[in-house]
Amino acid sequence: MGLKEPVLFNDIIGWRHRGATGPQVAKVLDDGLALMARPFEQGEAIIVKPSSIANPMIPALMALRPQSRAVLLHAPLADYLTSIARKGMEGRLWVRDLLKKLLREGMIDLGIAPADYLGLTDIQVAAIGWLAQHMQFQKIGRRFG
C-alpha cells in the first residue's frame, strides 16, 4: 500500500516552524506513524513517499522506526530543473517556498549570505534545493547505511 505525500508530515513541519518543541513533535510524529503503518489487509506493507519539505524529518522518522527502511529518491538535476520550468509560476513559487523552509530548517549551508538568495533566478533557487537534498541524503546514508 502506498501513501503519497501524507499531509501530516507537512503539517508537522509547519507546526515546528510555529514553535512546537522536539518532544511535542516526536509524540505526534510517533502517533502519526503508528496510524499510517496500519495495513488495510493482513500481510500488507505500507510505503510512504513524503513531500520534499518533509525531508528534514527523515532522521527523526528513522530513529522512531529503526526497523524501517528508506529509499532516497531524486530526479537527475536536468530533469528536475526542466520539471520546475515547465510548471511555470506555480513551480517558481514552490521552489522559493521550499528554499525558505529549508533555510529555516538549517538544511542549506552553501556559503551564500541569506540576503543574496533574493538575487537568484528561480532555476538557481531550484538547483540550491536540489543540492541541499543531495547533501542531506549523503548524511542520511552515512548515518543509517
Foldseek 3Di string as FASTA:
>chain_A
DEAEAPCVLVVLLVVVVVPDDPVVSLVSVLVVVVVQQDDPDPPDGYHYHHDLLSLLCVVSVCVSPVVDDDDQDDDPLVVQLVVLVVVPPVSLVVLVVSLVSCVVSVLQDPPDPPVCVVVDHSSVSSVSSVVSSVVSVVVCVVVND
